[in-house]
């Protein structure tokens, strides 16, 4: 539960793919009311902020897809790891 605040900050402020629910005191630290949640959902589903968040999420999804295809950055990283493990295994055997 302790990392929830960190994760929320990353999703909202860094990745720009989430919406923080404002609360009864106008911050994210108060208590959410039904109206607070309702207003946030409406903004997310119909508002300009929601449209921007959806576009940001699509961009991240595309980047993730590119990273895992053959010759993508994740593919290269895993390939290098496998090569390194094979190399170390050979060193141990000799």
PDB file of N, CA and C in Angstrom:
ATOM      1  N   UNK A   1       0.821  -1.187   0.000  1.00  0.00           N
ATOM      2  CA  UNK A   1       0.000   0.000   0.000  1.00  0.00           C
ATOM      3  C   UNK A   1       0.869   1.257   0.000  1.00  0.00           C
ATOM      4  N   UNK A   2       2.062   1.151   0.546  1.00  0.00           N
ATOM      5  CA  UNK A   2       2.935   2.322   0.646  1.00  0.00           C
ATOM      6  C   UNK A   2       3.340   2.856  -0.716  1.00  0.00           C
ATOM      7  N   UNK A   3       3.439   1.978  -1.702  1.00  0.00           N
ATOM      8  CA  UNK A   3       3.883   2.434  -3.019  1.00  0.00           C
ATOM      9  C   UNK A   3       2.753   3.007  -3.871  1.00  0.00           C
ATOM     10  N   UNK A   4       1.523   2.969  -3.389  1.00  0.00           N
ATOM     11  CA  UNK A   4       0.402   3.507  -4.152  1.00  0.00           C
ATOM     12  C   UNK A   4       0.598   4.974  -4.502  1.00  0.00           C
ATOM     13  N   UNK A   5       1.059   5.751  -3.559  1.00  0.00           N
ATOM     14  CA  UNK A   5       1.271   7.174  -3.795  1.00  0.00           C
ATOM     15  C   UNK A   5       2.355   7.392  -4.841  1.00  0.00           C
ATOM     16  N   UNK A   6       3.428   6.610  -4.758  1.00  0.00           N
ATOM     17  CA  UNK A   6       4.514   6.706  -5.736  1.00  0.00           C
ATOM     18  C   UNK A   6       4.027   6.309  -7.118  1.00  0.00           C
ATOM     19  N   UNK A   7       3.286   5.209  -7.193  1.00  0.00           N
ATOM     20  CA  UNK A   7       2.752   4.759  -8.483  1.00  0.00           C
ATOM     21  C   UNK A   7       1.799   5.791  -9.070  1.00  0.00           C
ATOM     22  N   UNK A   8       0.939   6.359  -8.234  1.00  0.00           N
ATOM     23  CA  UNK A   8      -0.014   7.367  -8.709  1.00  0.00           C
ATOM     24  C   UNK A   8       0.720   8.582  -9.248  1.00  0.00           C
ATOM     25  N   UNK A   9       1.748   9.009  -8.542  1.00  0.00           N
ATOM     26  CA  UNK A   9       2.521  10.167  -8.995  1.00  0.00           C
ATOM     27  C   UNK A   9       3.175   9.877 -10.345  1.00  0.00           C
ATOM     28  N   UNK A  10       3.736   8.677 -10.505  1.00  0.00           N
ATOM     29  CA  UNK A  10       4.381   8.315 -11.764  1.00  0.00           C
ATOM     30  C   UNK A  10       3.368   8.293 -12.913  1.00  0.00           C
ATOM     31  N   UNK A  11       2.221   7.675 -12.687  1.00  0.00           N
ATOM     32  CA  UNK A  11       1.206   7.562 -13.730  1.00  0.00           C
ATOM     33  C   UNK A  11       0.643   8.931 -14.105  1.00  0.00           C
ATOM     34  N   UNK A  12       0.393   9.771 -13.122  1.00  0.00           N
ATOM     35  CA  UNK A  12      -0.226  11.081 -13.372  1.00  0.00           C
ATOM     36  C   UNK A  12       0.788  12.101 -13.869  1.00  0.00           C
ATOM     37  N   UNK A  13       1.907  12.233 -13.176  1.00  0.00           N
ATOM     38  CA  UNK A  13       2.834  13.330 -13.463  1.00  0.00           C
ATOM     39  C   UNK A  13       3.908  12.991 -14.491  1.00  0.00           C
ATOM     40  N   UNK A  14       4.434  11.771 -14.457  1.00  0.00           N
ATOM     41  CA  UNK A  14       5.528  11.429 -15.359  1.00  0.00           C
ATOM     42  C   UNK A  14       5.037  10.810 -16.663  1.00  0.00           C
ATOM     43  N   UNK A  15       4.206   9.767 -16.554  1.00  0.00           N
ATOM     44  CA  UNK A  15       3.724   9.087 -17.753  1.00  0.00           C
ATOM     45  C   UNK A  15       2.570   9.839 -18.408  1.00  0.00           C
ATOM     46  N   UNK A  16       1.891  10.660 -17.620  1.00  0.00           N
ATOM     47  CA  UNK A  16       0.746  11.447 -18.087  1.00  0.00           C
ATOM     48  C   UNK A  16      -0.327  10.560 -18.730  1.00  0.00           C
ATOM     49  N   UNK A  17      -0.624   9.447 -18.040  1.00  0.00           N
ATOM     50  CA  UNK A  17      -1.641   8.521 -18.528  1.00  0.00           C
ATOM     51  C   UNK A  17      -2.742   8.277 -17.507  1.00  0.00           C
ATOM     52  N   UNK A  18      -2.774   9.052 -16.443  1.00  0.00           N
ATOM     53  CA  UNK A  18      -3.780   8.869 -15.409  1.00  0.00           C
ATOM     54  C   UNK A  18      -4.295  10.200 -14.905  1.00  0.00           C
ATOM     55  N   UNK A  19      -5.409  10.136 -14.218  1.00  0.00           N
ATOM     56  CA  UNK A  19      -6.070  11.328 -13.692  1.00  0.00           C
ATOM     57  C   UNK A  19      -6.183  11.184 -12.180  1.00  0.00           C
ATOM     58  N   UNK A  20      -5.723  12.178 -11.464  1.00  0.00           N
ATOM     59  CA  UNK A  20      -5.829  12.158 -10.008  1.00  0.00           C
ATOM     60  C   UNK A  20      -7.220  12.674  -9.621  1.00  0.00           C
ATOM     61  N   UNK A  21      -7.875  11.978  -8.720  1.00  0.00           N
ATOM     62  CA  UNK A  21      -9.201  12.385  -8.262  1.00  0.00           C
ATOM     63  C   UNK A  21      -9.036  13.484  -7.224  1.00  0.00           C
ATOM     64  N   UNK A  22      -9.604  14.651  -7.509  1.00  0.00           N
ATOM     65  CA  UNK A  22      -9.602  15.725  -6.513  1.00  0.00           C
ATOM     66  C   UNK A  22     -10.689  15.423  -5.496  1.00  0.00           C
ATOM     67  N   UNK A  23     -10.470  15.853  -4.293  1.00  0.00           N
ATOM     68  CA  UNK A  23     -11.361  15.472  -3.203  1.00  0.00           C
ATOM     69  C   UNK A  23     -12.105  16.667  -2.626  1.00  0.00           C
ATOM     70  N   UNK A  24     -12.811  16.397  -1.551  1.00  0.00           N
ATOM     71  CA  UNK A  24     -13.653  17.424  -0.941  1.00  0.00           C
ATOM     72  C   UNK A  24     -12.883  18.670  -0.507  1.00  0.00           C
ATOM     73  N   UNK A  25     -11.578  18.539  -0.258  1.00  0.00           N
ATOM     74  CA  UNK A  25     -10.803  19.726   0.120  1.00  0.00           C
ATOM     75  C   UNK A  25      -9.987  20.280  -1.050  1.00  0.00           C
ATOM     76  N   UNK A  26     -10.230  19.758  -2.260  1.00  0.00           N
ATOM     77  CA  UNK A  26      -9.561  20.272  -3.453  1.00  0.00           C
ATOM     78  C   UNK A  26      -8.174  19.712  -3.689  1.00  0.00           C
ATOM     79  N   UNK A  27      -7.750  18.769  -2.869  1.00  0.00           N
ATOM     80  CA  UNK A  27      -6.439  18.148  -3.050  1.00  0.00           C
ATOM     81  C   UNK A  27      -6.631  16.663  -3.316  1.00  0.00           C
ATOM     82  N   UNK A  28      -5.528  15.938  -3.445  1.00  0.00           N
ATOM     83  CA  UNK A  28      -5.627  14.489  -3.603  1.00  0.00           C
ATOM     84  C   UNK A  28      -5.511  13.780  -2.258  1.00  0.00           C
ATOM     85  N   UNK A  29      -5.426  14.535  -1.173  1.00  0.00           N
ATOM     86  CA  UNK A  29      -5.216  13.933   0.141  1.00  0.00           C
ATOM     87  C   UNK A  29      -6.482  13.860   1.002  1.00  0.00           C
ATOM     88  N   UNK A  30      -7.538  14.520   0.599  1.00  0.00           N
ATOM     89  CA  UNK A  30      -8.775  14.494   1.374  1.00  0.00           C
ATOM     90  C   UNK A  30      -9.559  13.218   1.110  1.00  0.00           C
ATOM     91  N   UNK A  31     -10.837  13.262   1.398  1.00  0.00           N
ATOM     92  CA  UNK A  31     -11.707  12.114   1.178  1.00  0.00           C
ATOM     93  C   UNK A  31     -12.486  12.301  -0.113  1.00  0.00           C
ATOM     94  N   UNK A  32     -12.571  11.227  -0.909  1.00  0.00           N
ATOM     95  CA  UNK A  32     -13.346  11.281  -2.142  1.00  0.00           C
ATOM     96  C   UNK A  32     -14.823  11.111  -1.825  1.00  0.00           C
ATOM     97  N   UNK A  33     -15.627  11.939  -2.445  1.00  0.00           N
ATOM     98  CA  UNK A  33     -17.074  11.778  -2.328  1.00  0.00           C
ATOM     99  C   UNK A  33     -17.565  11.138  -3.620  1.00  0.00           C
ATOM    100  N   UNK A  34     -18.828  10.734  -3.630  1.00  0.00           N
ATOM    101  CA  UNK A  34     -19.401  10.183  -4.858  1.00  0.00           C
ATOM    102  C   UNK A  34     -19.307  11.191  -5.996  1.00  0.00           C
ATOM    103  N   UNK A  35     -19.555  12.463  -5.681  1.00  0.00           N
ATOM    104  CA  UNK A  35     -19.478  13.501  -6.713  1.00  0.00           C
ATOM    105  C   UNK A  35     -18.052  13.688  -7.217  1.00  0.00           C
ATOM    106  N   UNK A  36     -17.056  13.599  -6.315  1.00  0.00           N
ATOM    107  CA  UNK A  36     -15.657  13.711  -6.740  1.00  0.00           C
ATOM    108  C   UNK A  36     -15.337  12.627  -7.767  1.00  0.00           C
ATOM    109  N   UNK A  37     -15.708  11.414  -7.435  1.00  0.00           N
ATOM    110  CA  UNK A  37     -15.435  10.289  -8.321  1.00  0.00           C
ATOM    111  C   UNK A  37     -16.213  10.416  -9.621  1.00  0.00           C
ATOM    112  N   UNK A  38     -17.475  10.792  -9.525  1.00  0.00           N
ATOM    113  CA  UNK A  38     -18.315  10.980 -10.717  1.00  0.00           C
ATOM    114  C   UNK A  38     -17.707  12.023 -11.647  1.00  0.00           C
ATOM    115  N   UNK A  39     -17.296  13.151 -11.098  1.00  0.00           N
ATOM    116  CA  UNK A  39     -16.716  14.214 -11.917  1.00  0.00           C
ATOM    117  C   UNK A  39     -15.418  13.769 -12.585  1.00  0.00           C
ATOM    118  N   UNK A  40     -14.611  13.008 -11.869  1.00  0.00           N
ATOM    119  CA  UNK A  40     -13.361  12.515 -12.449  1.00  0.00           C
ATOM    120  C   UNK A  40     -13.629  11.529 -13.582  1.00  0.00           C
ATOM    121  N   UNK A  41     -14.600  10.651 -13.392  1.00  0.00           N
ATOM    122  CA  UNK A  41     -14.940   9.680 -14.441  1.00  0.00           C
ATOM    123  C   UNK A  41     -15.485  10.397 -15.672  1.00  0.00           C
ATOM    124  N   UNK A  42     -16.329  11.386 -15.482  1.00  0.00           N
ATOM    125  CA  UNK A  42     -16.865  12.152 -16.615  1.00  0.00           C
ATOM    126  C   UNK A  42     -15.729  12.840 -17.363  1.00  0.00           C
ATOM    127  N   UNK A  43     -14.811  13.456 -16.630  1.00  0.00           N
ATOM    128  CA  UNK A  43     -13.666  14.117 -17.266  1.00  0.00           C
ATOM    129  C   UNK A  43     -12.821  13.110 -18.040  1.00  0.00           C
ATOM    130  N   UNK A  44     -12.610  11.953 -17.447  1.00  0.00           N
ATOM    131  CA  UNK A  44     -11.806  10.917 -18.088  1.00  0.00           C
ATOM    132  C   UNK A  44     -12.477  10.379 -19.344  1.00  0.00           C
ATOM    133  N   UNK A  45     -13.771  10.170 -19.296  1.00  0.00           N
ATOM    134  CA  UNK A  45     -14.490   9.561 -20.418  1.00  0.00           C
ATOM    135  C   UNK A  45     -14.870  10.556 -21.507  1.00  0.00           C
ATOM    136  N   UNK A  46     -15.152  11.806 -21.136  1.00  0.00           N
ATOM    137  CA  UNK A  46     -15.703  12.750 -22.109  1.00  0.00           C
ATOM    138  C   UNK A  46     -14.902  14.036 -22.277  1.00  0.00           C
ATOM    139  N   UNK A  47     -14.045  14.349 -21.326  1.00  0.00           N
ATOM    140  CA  UNK A  47     -13.357  15.639 -21.330  1.00  0.00           C
ATOM    141  C   UNK A  47     -12.092  15.675 -22.169  1.00  0.00           C
ATOM    142  N   UNK A  48     -11.570  16.872 -22.339  1.00  0.00           N
ATOM    143  CA  UNK A  48     -10.328  17.073 -23.093  1.00  0.00           C
ATOM    144  C   UNK A  48      -9.151  16.394 -22.403  1.00  0.00           C
ATOM    145  N   UNK A  49      -9.131  16.456 -21.080  1.00  0.00           N
ATOM    146  CA  UNK A  49      -8.053  15.802 -20.328  1.00  0.00           C
ATOM    147  C   UNK A  49      -8.075  14.300 -20.589  1.00  0.00           C
ATOM    148  N   UNK A  50      -9.260  13.714 -20.615  1.00  0.00           N
ATOM    149  CA  UNK A  50      -9.385  12.288 -20.899  1.00  0.00           C
ATOM    150  C   UNK A  50      -8.870  11.935 -22.280  1.00  0.00           C
ATOM    151  N   UNK A  51      -9.169  12.778 -23.268  1.00  0.00           N
ATOM    152  CA  UNK A  51      -8.675  12.541 -24.631  1.00  0.00           C
ATOM    153  C   UNK A  51      -7.152  12.578 -24.667  1.00  0.00           C
ATOM    154  N   UNK A  52      -6.565  13.541 -23.965  1.00  0.00           N
ATOM    155  CA  UNK A  52      -5.102  13.653 -23.926  1.00  0.00           C
ATOM    156  C   UNK A  52      -4.479  12.435 -23.241  1.00  0.00           C
ATOM    157  N   UNK A  53      -5.111  11.960 -22.171  1.00  0.00           N
ATOM    158  CA  UNK A  53      -4.601  10.786 -21.469  1.00  0.00           C
ATOM    159  C   UNK A  53      -4.668   9.543 -22.348  1.00  0.00           C
ATOM    160  N   UNK A  54      -5.747   9.401 -23.106  1.00  0.00           N
ATOM    161  CA  UNK A  54      -5.877   8.256 -24.014  1.00  0.00           C
ATOM    162  C   UNK A  54      -4.794   8.281 -25.080  1.00  0.00           C
ATOM    163  N   UNK A  55      -4.503   9.459 -25.620  1.00  0.00           N
ATOM    164  CA  UNK A  55      -3.445   9.583 -26.629  1.00  0.00           C
ATOM    165  C   UNK A  55      -2.083   9.233 -26.032  1.00  0.00           C
ATOM    166  N   UNK A  56      -1.830   9.691 -24.817  1.00  0.00           N
ATOM    167  CA  UNK A  56      -0.565   9.373 -24.152  1.00  0.00           C
ATOM    168  C   UNK A  56      -0.444   7.868 -23.920  1.00  0.00           C
ATOM    169  N   UNK A  57      -1.544   7.234 -23.520  1.00  0.00           N
ATOM    170  CA  UNK A  57      -1.537   5.787 -23.297  1.00  0.00           C
ATOM    171  C   UNK A  57      -1.295   5.039 -24.603  1.00  0.00           C
ATOM    172  N   UNK A  58      -1.891   5.508 -25.693  1.00  0.00           N
ATOM    173  CA  UNK A  58      -1.652   4.880 -26.998  1.00  0.00           C
ATOM    174  C   UNK A  58      -0.182   4.987 -27.386  1.00  0.00           C
ATOM    175  N   UNK A  59       0.421   6.149 -27.111  1.00  0.00           N
ATOM    176  CA  UNK A  59       1.838   6.336 -27.404  1.00  0.00           C
ATOM    177  C   UNK A  59       2.712   5.377 -26.615  1.00  0.00           C
ATOM    178  N   UNK A  60       2.400   5.193 -25.338  1.00  0.00           N
ATOM    179  CA  UNK A  60       3.157   4.246 -24.519  1.00  0.00           C
ATOM    180  C   UNK A  60       2.957   2.814 -25.000  1.00  0.00           C
ATOM    181  N   UNK A  61       1.741   2.477 -25.389  1.00  0.00           N
ATOM    182  CA  UNK A  61       1.468   1.130 -25.891  1.00  0.00           C
ATOM    183  C   UNK A  61       2.273   0.857 -27.156  1.00  0.00           C
ATOM    184  N   UNK A  62       2.333   1.827 -28.038  1.00  0.00           N
ATOM    185  CA  UNK A  62       3.098   1.673 -29.280  1.00  0.00           C
ATOM    186  C   UNK A  62       4.585   1.510 -28.985  1.00  0.00           C
ATOM    187  N   UNK A  63       5.104   2.301 -28.063  1.00  0.00           N
ATOM    188  CA  UNK A  63       6.518   2.193 -27.690  1.00  0.00           C
ATOM    189  C   UNK A  63       6.816   0.822 -27.086  1.00  0.00           C
ATOM    190  N   UNK A  64       5.897   0.311 -26.273  1.00  0.00           N
ATOM    191  CA  UNK A  64       6.087  -1.009 -25.671  1.00  0.00           C
ATOM    192  C   UNK A  64       6.076  -2.097 -26.735  1.00  0.00           C
ATOM    193  N   UNK A  65       5.184  -1.988 -27.709  1.00  0.00           N
ATOM    194  CA  UNK A  65       5.136  -2.969 -28.797  1.00  0.00           C
ATOM    195  C   UNK A  65       6.430  -2.966 -29.592  1.00  0.00           C
ATOM    196  N   UNK A  66       6.946  -1.773 -29.894  1.00  0.00           N
ATOM    197  CA  UNK A  66       8.193  -1.666 -30.650  1.00  0.00           C
ATOM    198  C   UNK A  66       9.365  -2.247 -29.870  1.00  0.00           C
ATOM    199  N   UNK A  67       9.329  -2.117 -28.555  1.00  0.00           N
ATOM    200  CA  UNK A  67      10.442  -2.587 -27.727  1.00  0.00           C
ATOM    201  C   UNK A  67      10.557  -4.104 -27.722  1.00  0.00           C
ATOM    202  N   UNK A  68       9.442  -4.816 -27.886  1.00  0.00           N
ATOM    203  CA  UNK A  68       9.489  -6.273 -27.769  1.00  0.00           C
ATOM    204  C   UNK A  68       9.533  -7.017 -29.097  1.00  0.00           C
ATOM    205  N   UNK A  69       9.408  -6.326 -30.214  1.00  0.00           N
ATOM    206  CA  UNK A  69       9.508  -7.015 -31.503  1.00  0.00           C
ATOM    207  C   UNK A  69      10.962  -7.366 -31.774  1.00  0.00           C
ATOM    208  N   UNK A  70      11.188  -8.301 -32.718  1.00  0.00           N
ATOM    209  CA  UNK A  70      12.555  -8.636 -33.110  1.00  0.00           C
ATOM    210  C   UNK A  70      13.312  -7.365 -33.434  1.00  0.00           C
ATOM    211  N   UNK A  71      14.456  -7.235 -32.874  1.00  0.00           N
ATOM    212  CA  UNK A  71      15.369  -6.099 -33.018  1.00  0.00           C
ATOM    213  C   UNK A  71      14.900  -4.845 -32.275  1.00  0.00           C
ATOM    214  N   UNK A  72      13.882  -4.966 -31.430  1.00  0.00           N
ATOM    215  CA  UNK A  72      13.492  -3.848 -30.565  1.00  0.00           C
ATOM    216  C   UNK A  72      14.442  -3.754 -29.378  1.00  0.00           C
ATOM    217  N   UNK A  73      14.334  -2.699 -28.598  1.00  0.00           N
ATOM    218  CA  UNK A  73      15.281  -2.478 -27.494  1.00  0.00           C
ATOM    219  C   UNK A  73      15.211  -3.580 -26.431  1.00  0.00           C
ATOM    220  N   UNK A  74      14.024  -4.051 -26.094  1.00  0.00           N
ATOM    221  CA  UNK A  74      13.908  -5.134 -25.111  1.00  0.00           C
ATOM    222  C   UNK A  74      14.449  -6.435 -25.679  1.00  0.00           C
ATOM    223  N   UNK A  75      14.189  -6.678 -26.945  1.00  0.00           N
ATOM    224  CA  UNK A  75      14.704  -7.877 -27.606  1.00  0.00           C
ATOM    225  C   UNK A  75      16.231  -7.874 -27.551  1.00  0.00           C
ATOM    226  N   UNK A  76      16.839  -6.732 -27.850  1.00  0.00           N
ATOM    227  CA  UNK A  76      18.299  -6.619 -27.797  1.00  0.00           C
ATOM    228  C   UNK A  76      18.822  -6.834 -26.376  1.00  0.00           C
ATOM    229  N   UNK A  77      18.149  -6.272 -25.396  1.00  0.00           N
ATOM    230  CA  UNK A  77      18.595  -6.408 -24.007  1.00  0.00           C
ATOM    231  C   UNK A  77      18.553  -7.867 -23.562  1.00  0.00           C
ATOM    232  N   UNK A  78      17.488  -8.583 -23.887  1.00  0.00           N
ATOM    233  CA  UNK A  78      17.383  -9.994 -23.520  1.00  0.00           C
ATOM    234  C   UNK A  78      18.428 -10.808 -24.278  1.00  0.00           C
ATOM    235  N   UNK A  79      18.629 -10.482 -25.530  1.00  0.00           N
ATOM    236  CA  UNK A  79      19.632 -11.175 -26.337  1.00  0.00           C
ATOM    237  C   UNK A  79      21.032 -10.999 -25.736  1.00  0.00           C
ATOM    238  N   UNK A  80      21.347  -9.793 -25.314  1.00  0.00           N
ATOM    239  CA  UNK A  80      22.644  -9.532 -24.681  1.00  0.00           C
ATOM    240  C   UNK A  80      22.779 -10.294 -23.364  1.00  0.00           C
ATOM    241  N   UNK A  81      21.709 -10.363 -22.594  1.00  0.00           N
ATOM    242  CA  UNK A  81      21.729 -11.107 -21.339  1.00  0.00           C
ATOM    243  C   UNK A  81      22.006 -12.586 -21.602  1.00  0.00           C
ATOM    244  N   UNK A  82      21.331 -13.152 -22.583  1.00  0.00           N
ATOM    245  CA  UNK A  82      21.537 -14.563 -22.924  1.00  0.00           C
ATOM    246  C   UNK A  82      22.982 -14.798 -23.351  1.00  0.00           C
ATOM    247  N   UNK A  83      23.510 -13.925 -24.199  1.00  0.00           N
ATOM    248  CA  UNK A  83      24.904 -14.053 -24.634  1.00  0.00           C
ATOM    249  C   UNK A  83      25.857 -14.003 -23.441  1.00  0.00           C
ATOM    250  N   UNK A  84      25.609 -13.078 -22.524  1.00  0.00           N
ATOM    251  CA  UNK A  84      26.464 -12.947 -21.338  1.00  0.00           C
ATOM    252  C   UNK A  84      26.387 -14.196 -20.468  1.00  0.00           C
ATOM    253  N   UNK A  85      25.196 -14.738 -20.291  1.00  0.00           N
ATOM    254  CA  UNK A  85      25.045 -15.957 -19.492  1.00  0.00           C
ATOM    255  C   UNK A  85      25.752 -17.135 -20.144  1.00  0.00           C
ATOM    256  N   UNK A  86      25.649 -17.258 -21.462  1.00  0.00           N
ATOM    257  CA  UNK A  86      26.361 -18.328 -22.173  1.00  0.00           C
ATOM    258  C   UNK A  86      27.868 -18.166 -21.997  1.00  0.00           C
ATOM    259  N   UNK A  87      28.342 -16.950 -22.117  1.00  0.00           N
ATOM    260  CA  UNK A  87      29.768 -16.669 -21.973  1.00  0.00           C
ATOM    261  C   UNK A  87      30.253 -17.052 -20.571  1.00  0.00           C
ATOM    262  N   UNK A  88      29.512 -16.667 -19.559  1.00  0.00           N
ATOM    263  CA  UNK A  88      29.901 -16.990 -18.179  1.00  0.00           C
ATOM    264  C   UNK A  88      29.837 -18.492 -17.919  1.00  0.00           C
ATOM    265  N   UNK A  89      28.874 -19.148 -18.518  1.00  0.00           N
ATOM    266  CA  UNK A  89      28.754 -20.600 -18.346  1.00  0.00           C
ATOM    267  C   UNK A  89      29.975 -21.298 -18.932  1.00  0.00           C
ATOM    268  N   UNK A  90      30.415 -20.838 -20.098  1.00  0.00           N
ATOM    269  CA  UNK A  90      31.613 -21.409 -20.724  1.00  0.00           C
ATOM    270  C   UNK A  90      32.837 -21.182 -19.847  1.00  0.00           C
ATOM    271  N   UNK A  91      32.933 -19.985 -19.237  1.00  0.00           N
ATOM    272  CA  UNK A  91      34.069 -19.686 -18.362  1.00  0.00           C
ATOM    273  C   UNK A  91      34.087 -20.612 -17.148  1.00  0.00           C
ATOM    274  N   UNK A  92      32.929 -20.921 -16.614  1.00  0.00           N
ATOM    275  CA  UNK A  92      32.840 -21.787 -15.439  1.00  0.00           C
ATOM    276  C   UNK A  92      33.254 -23.213 -15.797  1.00  0.00           C
ATOM    277  N   UNK A  93      32.877 -23.678 -16.980  1.00  0.00           N
ATOM    278  CA  UNK A  93      33.188 -25.044 -17.404  1.00  0.00           C
ATOM    279  C   UNK A  93      34.679 -25.241 -17.664  1.00  0.00           C
ATOM    280  N   UNK A  94      35.374 -24.184 -18.071  1.00  0.00           N
ATOM    281  CA  UNK A  94      36.799 -24.340 -18.399  1.00  0.00           C
ATOM    282  C   UNK A  94      37.699 -24.026 -17.242  1.00  0.00           C
TER     283      UNK A  94
END
